[in-house]
Amino acid sequence: MLSFLKKLFPSLVCEVCGKRGVEYLSVGSSKKPQVRHFCRVHRQNMVEEFHKLFVAYSPNILVTSPHQEGSYAQLYPFYPVSEMKMMNFSNSDIEIVNEKLSLFGVKKCAACKEQASAVYFTTVPEMYTWNGMDMKQLQTSGGHFYCKQHCFKQIEGKLLANKNLFNDSGLVAPYGGSGIYVNTPL
């Protein structure tokens, strides 16, 4: 039966064990993403794959605190500035993101003193509202400058936190230039 399901729905099975894949990692542009599925048991494998892509990504990024353990399905997507308009972000939200991205300059990682390439916002609550995204919360949030490796250490535990067996969740690898990670309900 499992081999039949794999043939019928190849993208809905865990790439590690072949069971139903309720978690996914999207790699590539929003127009042609490659979607990789993982079961809950192999969520760690998905986060490890995400880690490799996250750390290797060279453009500067903004990272808000993920919320994967919620009571509803969650997506932790990356929005490149170049696609924010297409994704229905307001002009003022795009300006806020660009303003925060312009702060990098010669900032150093708070943990290792290497060149910073990510800003992590710890206290920003979910920025998804009934009216869409709301980036105004970023204006008052300080954020901490990190290299990608140390930024990932800040979010790793939260990315692994989804224990709700009934809620799917997904991660989107960064692509398309500088941008922002914003937790989004599915």
Protein backbone atom coordinates (compact mmCIF):
# COMPACT_ATOMS: atom_id res chain seq x y z
CA MET A 1 0.00 0.00 0.00
CA LEU A 2 2.83 2.45 0.88
CA SER A 3 4.52 1.98 -2.50
CA PHE A 4 1.18 2.65 -4.20
CA LEU A 5 0.80 5.91 -2.24
CA LYS A 6 4.35 6.92 -3.12
CA LYS A 7 3.55 6.46 -6.81
CA LEU A 8 0.19 8.23 -6.55
CA PHE A 9 1.36 11.13 -4.36
CA PRO A 10 5.17 11.24 -4.55
CA SER A 11 5.47 14.67 -2.96
CA LEU A 12 3.33 13.87 0.09
CA VAL A 13 5.64 11.28 1.60
CA CYS A 14 8.63 11.73 3.87
CA GLU A 15 11.82 11.66 1.85
CA VAL A 16 13.57 9.81 4.71
CA CYS A 17 11.16 6.97 5.56
CA GLY A 18 8.30 7.11 3.02
CA LYS A 19 5.52 7.75 5.57
CA ARG A 20 3.03 10.61 5.23
CA GLY A 21 4.94 13.90 5.09
CA VAL A 22 3.18 16.58 7.14
CA GLU A 23 6.14 18.97 7.27
CA TYR A 24 7.79 20.54 4.28
CA LEU A 25 10.83 22.49 3.20
CA SER A 26 10.44 24.72 0.15
CA VAL A 27 13.64 25.40 -1.77
CA GLY A 28 13.93 27.87 -4.65
CA SER A 29 11.90 30.80 -5.90
CA SER A 30 8.21 31.24 -5.17
CA LYS A 31 7.50 30.70 -8.87
CA LYS A 32 9.17 27.27 -9.13
CA PRO A 33 9.88 25.90 -5.66
CA GLN A 34 11.11 22.40 -5.00
CA VAL A 35 9.04 21.08 -2.08
CA ARG A 36 10.57 18.39 0.10
CA HIS A 37 8.30 16.57 2.58
CA PHE A 38 9.19 15.09 5.95
CA CYS A 39 7.17 13.21 8.55
CA ARG A 40 7.03 14.47 12.14
CA VAL A 41 9.61 11.88 13.22
CA HIS A 42 12.09 13.29 10.68
CA ARG A 43 11.44 16.97 11.39
CA GLN A 44 15.02 17.17 12.68
CA ASN A 45 16.25 16.17 9.20
CA MET A 46 14.19 18.96 7.66
CA VAL A 47 15.58 21.53 10.09
CA GLU A 48 19.13 20.29 9.39
CA GLU A 49 18.57 20.75 5.64
CA PHE A 50 17.10 24.21 6.29
CA HIS A 51 20.17 25.03 8.42
CA LYS A 52 22.55 24.25 5.54
CA LEU A 53 20.60 26.50 3.15
CA PHE A 54 20.14 29.29 5.72
CA VAL A 55 23.83 29.49 6.68
CA ALA A 56 25.05 29.30 3.06
CA TYR A 57 22.79 32.17 1.94
CA SER A 58 24.93 35.27 1.40
CA PRO A 59 22.53 38.29 1.21
CA ASN A 60 21.63 40.10 4.45
CA ILE A 61 18.31 39.09 5.98
CA LEU A 62 15.91 40.01 8.76
CA VAL A 63 14.65 37.16 10.95
CA THR A 64 11.63 37.35 13.24
CA SER A 65 11.14 34.77 15.96
CA PRO A 66 9.43 31.64 14.60
CA HIS A 67 6.29 30.30 16.24
CA GLN A 68 6.01 26.67 15.12
CA GLU A 69 4.30 25.33 18.22
CA GLY A 70 1.00 27.19 17.74
CA SER A 71 -2.48 25.73 17.76
CA TYR A 72 -2.77 26.06 13.98
CA ALA A 73 -0.63 25.19 10.98
CA GLN A 74 2.37 27.50 10.53
CA LEU A 75 4.63 28.52 7.71
CA TYR A 76 7.98 30.21 8.27
CA PRO A 77 8.46 31.83 4.87
CA PHE A 78 11.13 34.07 3.49
CA TYR A 79 9.97 37.15 1.59
CA PRO A 80 12.67 38.68 -0.62
CA VAL A 81 12.28 42.44 -0.94
CA SER A 82 12.08 42.00 -4.72
CA GLU A 83 8.83 39.98 -4.33
CA MET A 84 7.20 41.79 -1.41
CA LYS A 85 4.97 43.93 -3.62
CA MET A 86 3.79 40.82 -5.49
CA MET A 87 3.05 39.23 -2.08
CA ASN A 88 0.75 42.18 -1.23
CA PHE A 89 3.00 43.95 1.25
CA SER A 90 2.26 47.67 1.46
CA ASN A 91 4.78 50.25 0.28
CA SER A 92 5.27 51.37 3.88
CA ASP A 93 6.03 47.78 4.98
CA ILE A 94 8.59 47.43 2.18
CA GLU A 95 10.17 50.73 3.25
CA ILE A 96 10.42 49.51 6.85
CA VAL A 97 12.15 46.29 5.75
CA ASN A 98 14.54 48.22 3.49
CA GLU A 99 15.30 50.64 6.34
CA LYS A 100 16.18 47.76 8.68
CA LEU A 101 18.29 46.11 5.97
CA SER A 102 20.23 49.36 5.48
CA LEU A 103 21.50 49.21 9.09
CA PHE A 104 24.03 46.43 8.44
CA GLY A 105 26.98 48.57 7.34
CA VAL A 106 29.93 47.31 9.35
CA LYS A 107 27.93 45.61 12.11
CA LYS A 108 29.52 42.58 13.73
CA CYS A 109 27.94 39.38 15.02
CA ALA A 110 27.01 39.72 18.70
CA ALA A 111 28.34 36.22 19.38
CA CYS A 112 31.55 35.82 17.34
CA LYS A 113 32.41 39.35 16.09
CA GLU A 114 32.42 38.21 12.42
CA GLN A 115 30.57 40.32 9.85
CA ALA A 116 26.83 40.33 10.64
CA SER A 117 24.50 39.07 7.91
CA ALA A 118 21.24 38.67 9.84
CA VAL A 119 19.22 40.69 12.33
CA TYR A 120 17.15 38.60 14.75
CA PHE A 121 14.07 40.17 16.33
CA THR A 122 13.27 38.31 19.55
CA THR A 123 10.34 40.31 20.84
CA VAL A 124 8.35 40.79 17.65
CA PRO A 125 5.00 39.00 17.99
CA GLU A 126 3.36 37.49 14.95
CA MET A 127 3.08 40.18 12.33
CA TYR A 128 0.19 38.52 10.50
CA THR A 129 -3.11 40.29 11.08
CA TRP A 130 -6.55 39.86 9.56
CA ASN A 131 -5.55 42.62 7.14
CA GLY A 132 -2.27 40.95 6.11
CA MET A 133 1.25 41.60 7.35
CA ASP A 134 2.06 44.49 9.65
CA MET A 135 5.72 45.51 9.62
CA LYS A 136 5.22 48.55 11.87
CA GLN A 137 6.23 46.38 14.84
CA LEU A 138 9.73 46.17 13.38
CA GLN A 139 10.18 49.93 13.76
CA THR A 140 10.19 49.72 17.55
CA SER A 141 12.03 46.40 17.83
CA GLY A 142 15.78 46.64 18.26
CA GLY A 143 16.98 43.35 16.87
CA HIS A 144 20.33 41.66 17.41
CA PHE A 145 22.98 41.44 14.69
CA TYR A 146 24.40 37.96 14.07
CA CYS A 147 26.24 35.97 11.44
CA LYS A 148 23.89 33.38 9.89
CA GLN A 149 25.32 30.53 12.01
CA HIS A 150 24.62 32.32 15.30
CA CYS A 151 21.27 33.60 14.08
CA PHE A 152 20.26 30.02 13.30
CA LYS A 153 21.20 29.03 16.85
CA GLN A 154 18.64 31.58 18.05
CA ILE A 155 15.79 30.01 16.04
CA GLU A 156 16.71 26.32 15.95
CA GLY A 157 14.81 25.28 19.09
CA LYS A 158 11.68 27.08 17.93
CA LEU A 159 11.88 25.46 14.49
CA LEU A 160 11.93 22.06 16.18
CA ALA A 161 9.07 22.87 18.58
CA ASN A 162 6.03 21.76 16.56
CA LYS A 163 4.71 18.85 18.58
CA ASN A 164 1.05 19.17 17.55
CA LEU A 165 0.32 16.04 15.52
CA PHE A 166 -2.62 17.68 13.77
CA ASN A 167 -0.88 20.80 12.50
CA ASP A 168 1.37 20.79 9.49
CA SER A 169 4.15 23.30 9.22
CA GLY A 170 6.67 24.39 6.66
CA LEU A 171 9.95 26.19 6.21
CA VAL A 172 11.02 28.20 3.19
CA ALA A 173 14.73 28.44 2.38
CA PRO A 174 15.93 31.99 1.60
CA TYR A 175 16.09 33.00 -2.06
CA GLY A 176 16.00 36.07 -4.31
CA GLY A 177 18.21 38.55 -2.42
CA SER A 178 17.79 40.37 0.89
CA GLY A 179 14.48 39.96 2.65
CA ILE A 180 12.66 38.93 5.81
CA TYR A 181 11.39 35.82 7.61
CA VAL A 182 7.91 36.35 9.02
CA ASN A 183 5.85 33.67 10.78
CA THR A 184 2.59 33.14 8.91
CA PRO A 185 -0.44 30.95 9.71
CA LEU A 186 -1.36 28.59 6.87
